[in-house]
C-alpha cells in the first residue's frame, strides 16, 4: 500500500476544492460539513468557492438491542429518515422509533447550538448543496445526510470527499446528483490511513472554523 495522500484535512480540502470549481462564487452554492472531521475539509472548500459554510449533523437511530443497526436517522432541519426495510423486518413499533428520535434529537440540537453559537442555519431550499466529509468508508452516514437534505428541497445535492472506498462512491452516486471523490484507493482499509495527520477534530476547532467562515461570508449569503 502506498503512503498517505494528504498532509491533513486542510490540505485535503484545498485539493478537493480544485475539483469543484464550477460551483465557485455562485450565489446559490452552500457547503455543509459533517462534524467533526468534515469541518476542516469543508472550511477550505467553502473558502475556495466563496460559499457560506455550515454543519449538517446526522444522528443514527439504533435498533433496540442492536444499536449498530440503523432503523433510521435524524438530521439538521428536524428531518427524520426511517429505514422502512429494517422497521418492517424487525416489526419495530412507532413508539420505539419516536423514543429514539427524541433522545438523539436532543443531542443533535445540543450540538447544533454549541457549534453555531447562535448563528441561524443556512437556507437549503432551491440551493446547490455540497455535503463534505473527510472520507467515506461505508458511506452510511453520508447516505443518511443525502436522504435528509433531500427533504429540505435543494436544487442539487453534491457529495464531495477527499478519499473514499470505491464501493462507497458507487452507492452515493445512486442517491446524490453528483459525487466527487478526489481519491478512490483500492484496497481502501480506512480513511485515516490516507492522512499523515488525522488527529481528532475537537468541538472547539469546529466552533472556531464555523465562526471564521461566518465572518468571511458575504452578508447576502442567505439564512433561514
Protein backbone atom coordinates (compact mmCIF):
# COMPACT_ATOMS: atom_id res chain seq x y z
CA UNK A 1 0.00 0.00 0.00
CA UNK A 2 1.29 3.48 -0.84
CA UNK A 3 1.78 6.19 1.77
CA UNK A 4 -0.71 8.87 2.86
CA UNK A 5 -2.02 11.19 0.15
CA UNK A 6 -2.86 14.20 2.33
CA UNK A 7 -0.90 16.11 4.96
CA UNK A 8 -4.04 16.89 6.94
CA UNK A 9 -7.72 17.72 6.49
CA UNK A 10 -7.00 21.30 5.45
CA UNK A 11 -4.69 20.27 2.61
CA UNK A 12 -7.24 17.65 1.58
CA UNK A 13 -9.93 20.34 1.48
CA UNK A 14 -7.83 22.56 -0.75
CA UNK A 15 -7.26 19.73 -3.21
CA UNK A 16 -10.94 18.80 -3.14
CA UNK A 17 -11.96 22.39 -3.78
CA UNK A 18 -9.96 22.38 -7.01
CA UNK A 19 -12.35 19.72 -8.33
CA UNK A 20 -15.42 21.82 -7.52
CA UNK A 21 -14.53 24.99 -9.39
CA UNK A 22 -17.79 25.03 -11.35
CA UNK A 23 -19.61 25.85 -8.11
CA UNK A 24 -17.31 28.75 -7.21
CA UNK A 25 -18.77 32.19 -6.50
CA UNK A 26 -22.30 31.09 -7.33
CA UNK A 27 -24.86 32.78 -5.07
CA UNK A 28 -26.80 29.54 -4.58
CA UNK A 29 -23.85 27.35 -3.53
CA UNK A 30 -23.87 26.14 0.08
CA UNK A 31 -21.21 23.98 1.72
CA UNK A 32 -22.33 21.71 4.56
CA UNK A 33 -19.71 19.77 6.50
CA UNK A 34 -20.36 16.65 8.57
CA UNK A 35 -18.85 17.18 12.04
CA UNK A 36 -16.41 16.86 13.28
CA UNK A 37 -13.75 15.70 10.82
CA UNK A 38 -15.53 17.09 7.80
CA UNK A 39 -15.41 20.67 9.08
CA UNK A 40 -11.73 21.47 8.33
CA UNK A 41 -12.21 19.98 4.86
CA UNK A 42 -15.42 21.94 4.33
CA UNK A 43 -13.80 25.11 5.61
CA UNK A 44 -11.20 25.03 2.83
CA UNK A 45 -13.80 24.07 0.22
CA UNK A 46 -16.10 26.94 1.23
CA UNK A 47 -13.23 29.43 1.32
CA UNK A 48 -12.03 28.44 -2.16
CA UNK A 49 -15.54 28.53 -3.64
CA UNK A 50 -16.52 31.78 -1.96
CA UNK A 51 -19.51 29.99 -0.43
CA UNK A 52 -21.00 30.02 3.06
CA UNK A 53 -20.23 27.10 5.39
CA UNK A 54 -22.48 25.33 7.87
CA UNK A 55 -22.62 21.97 9.63
CA UNK A 56 -25.04 19.21 8.74
CA UNK A 57 -25.48 16.88 11.67
CA UNK A 58 -26.76 13.33 11.33
CA UNK A 59 -27.61 11.08 14.27
CA UNK A 60 -28.26 7.39 13.72
CA UNK A 61 -31.34 5.83 15.31
CA UNK A 62 -30.06 2.50 16.58
CA UNK A 63 -32.34 -0.52 16.60
CA UNK A 64 -33.26 -1.55 20.18
CA UNK A 65 -30.97 -4.41 21.19
CA UNK A 66 -28.91 -3.98 18.02
CA UNK A 67 -27.75 -0.39 18.30
CA UNK A 68 -25.22 -0.73 15.48
CA UNK A 69 -28.09 -1.40 13.05
CA UNK A 70 -29.77 1.82 11.95
CA UNK A 71 -33.55 1.85 11.87
CA UNK A 72 -33.35 5.45 10.74
CA UNK A 73 -31.63 8.76 11.25
CA UNK A 74 -32.37 12.34 12.16
CA UNK A 75 -30.58 15.35 10.78
CA UNK A 76 -30.24 19.10 10.71
CA UNK A 77 -33.51 20.87 10.00
CA UNK A 78 -35.66 18.46 12.00
CA UNK A 79 -35.51 15.84 9.26
CA UNK A 80 -36.37 12.21 10.07
CA UNK A 81 -35.36 9.34 7.79
CA UNK A 82 -36.76 5.86 8.52
CA UNK A 83 -35.25 2.63 7.20
CA UNK A 84 -38.55 1.03 6.23
CA UNK A 85 -36.99 -2.34 5.46
CA UNK A 86 -35.39 -2.69 8.90
CA UNK A 87 -38.52 -1.45 10.65
CA UNK A 88 -40.70 -3.90 8.74
CA UNK A 89 -38.42 -6.91 9.13
CA UNK A 90 -37.97 -6.41 12.88
CA UNK A 91 -41.55 -5.23 13.45
CA UNK A 92 -40.37 -2.13 15.35
CA UNK A 93 -43.33 -0.21 16.79
CA UNK A 94 -43.64 3.52 16.05
CA UNK A 95 -43.26 4.46 19.72
CA UNK A 96 -39.75 2.95 19.80
CA UNK A 97 -38.76 4.99 16.76
CA UNK A 98 -40.24 8.12 18.35
CA UNK A 99 -38.39 7.48 21.63
CA UNK A 100 -35.05 7.03 19.85
CA UNK A 101 -35.68 10.13 17.74
CA UNK A 102 -36.43 12.16 20.87
CA UNK A 103 -33.19 11.05 22.55
CA UNK A 104 -30.99 11.63 19.55
CA UNK A 105 -32.83 14.82 18.65
CA UNK A 106 -31.94 16.35 21.99
CA UNK A 107 -28.25 15.58 21.43
CA UNK A 108 -28.38 16.86 17.85
CA UNK A 109 -29.92 20.16 18.96
CA UNK A 110 -27.35 20.49 21.75
CA UNK A 111 -24.51 20.06 19.26
CA UNK A 112 -26.05 22.48 16.78
CA UNK A 113 -26.38 25.15 19.49
CA UNK A 114 -22.80 24.51 20.58
CA UNK A 115 -21.38 24.67 17.06
CA UNK A 116 -23.41 27.56 15.64
CA UNK A 117 -23.21 29.81 18.72
CA UNK A 118 -26.50 31.50 17.89
CA UNK A 119 -25.98 31.73 14.14
CA UNK A 120 -29.05 30.58 12.14
CA UNK A 121 -28.85 27.58 9.82
CA UNK A 122 -28.15 28.24 6.17
CA UNK A 123 -31.11 28.13 3.81
CA UNK A 124 -31.13 24.92 1.74
CA UNK A 125 -34.29 25.18 -0.35
CA UNK A 126 -33.56 25.59 -4.07
CA UNK A 127 -29.83 25.87 -3.35
CA UNK A 128 -26.86 23.86 -4.61
CA UNK A 129 -25.77 21.90 -1.55
CA UNK A 130 -22.28 20.41 -1.30
CA UNK A 131 -22.03 17.84 1.50
CA UNK A 132 -18.44 17.39 2.67
CA UNK A 133 -16.71 14.88 4.93
CA UNK A 134 -13.08 13.85 5.43
CA UNK A 135 -13.70 10.48 3.76
CA UNK A 136 -16.11 7.65 3.12
CA UNK A 137 -15.60 4.10 4.34
CA UNK A 138 -19.07 2.51 4.17
CA UNK A 139 -20.78 5.79 3.28
CA UNK A 140 -23.67 5.09 5.69
CA UNK A 141 -23.60 8.47 7.44
CA UNK A 142 -23.30 10.39 4.19
CA UNK A 143 -26.19 8.41 2.69
CA UNK A 144 -28.32 9.45 5.65
CA UNK A 145 -27.22 13.05 5.13
CA UNK A 146 -28.18 12.95 1.45
CA UNK A 147 -31.60 11.47 2.26
CA UNK A 148 -32.15 14.10 4.93
CA UNK A 149 -31.09 17.10 2.87
CA UNK A 150 -33.30 15.93 0.00
CA UNK A 151 -36.31 16.55 2.23
CA UNK A 152 -35.29 20.20 2.52
CA UNK A 153 -35.82 20.66 -1.25
CA UNK A 154 -32.39 21.69 -2.53
CA UNK A 155 -31.85 22.27 -6.24
CA UNK A 156 -28.87 19.91 -6.31
CA UNK A 157 -27.03 17.64 -3.88
CA UNK A 158 -23.30 17.10 -4.36
CA UNK A 159 -21.24 14.75 -2.18
CA UNK A 160 -17.58 15.73 -2.03
CA UNK A 161 -14.80 13.95 -0.13
CA UNK A 162 -11.00 13.76 -0.41
CA UNK A 163 -10.85 9.97 -0.18
CA UNK A 164 -13.35 7.12 -0.31
CA UNK A 165 -13.75 3.42 -0.80
CA UNK A 166 -14.79 2.83 -4.43
CA UNK A 167 -17.87 0.92 -3.27
CA UNK A 168 -19.00 3.86 -1.13
CA UNK A 169 -18.72 6.26 -4.05
CA UNK A 170 -20.73 3.87 -6.20
CA UNK A 171 -23.51 3.74 -3.59
CA UNK A 172 -23.64 7.52 -3.22
CA UNK A 173 -23.82 8.00 -6.98
CA UNK A 174 -27.21 6.30 -6.88
CA UNK A 175 -28.54 8.86 -4.39
CA UNK A 176 -26.73 12.18 -4.90
CA UNK A 177 -26.84 14.27 -8.06
CA UNK A 178 -23.05 14.24 -8.20
CA UNK A 179 -20.25 12.56 -6.25
CA UNK A 180 -16.72 13.96 -6.22
CA UNK A 181 -14.10 11.67 -4.68
CA UNK A 182 -10.57 13.02 -5.09
CA UNK A 183 -9.04 9.62 -4.30
CA UNK A 184 -10.53 6.13 -4.51
CA UNK A 185 -7.73 3.78 -3.39
CA UNK A 186 -8.24 0.06 -3.82
CA UNK A 187 -7.77 -1.60 -1.41
CA UNK A 188 -9.12 1.12 0.86
CA UNK A 189 -8.78 -0.10 4.50
CA UNK A 190 -9.63 3.11 6.46
CA UNK A 191 -9.99 6.87 5.97
CA UNK A 192 -7.24 7.77 8.44
CA UNK A 193 -4.58 5.83 6.56
CA UNK A 194 -4.63 8.38 3.76
CA UNK A 195 -3.73 11.30 6.06
CA UNK A 196 -0.35 11.97 7.66
CA UNK A 197 -2.11 13.95 10.40
CA UNK A 198 -5.51 12.51 11.28
CA UNK A 199 -5.80 13.84 14.82
CA UNK A 200 -9.36 14.10 16.07
CA UNK A 201 -11.04 17.43 15.33
CA UNK A 202 -12.30 18.97 18.57
CA UNK A 203 -15.55 20.79 19.28
CA UNK A 204 -13.54 23.97 19.92
CA UNK A 205 -11.94 23.68 16.48
CA UNK A 206 -15.35 23.18 14.87
CA UNK A 207 -16.71 26.30 16.58
CA UNK A 208 -13.65 28.36 15.62
CA UNK A 209 -13.78 27.32 11.96
CA UNK A 210 -17.50 27.98 11.67
CA UNK A 211 -17.09 31.38 13.30
CA UNK A 212 -14.23 32.25 10.96
CA UNK A 213 -16.21 31.15 7.91
CA UNK A 214 -19.22 33.15 9.08
CA UNK A 215 -17.14 36.31 9.43
CA UNK A 216 -15.76 35.82 5.93
CA UNK A 217 -19.13 35.11 4.32
CA UNK A 218 -20.85 37.78 2.29
CA UNK A 219 -23.78 39.47 4.06
CA UNK A 220 -26.06 38.27 1.27
CA UNK A 221 -25.28 34.57 1.85
CA UNK A 222 -28.85 33.93 2.97
CA UNK A 223 -30.06 32.17 6.11
CA UNK A 224 -33.32 30.74 7.28
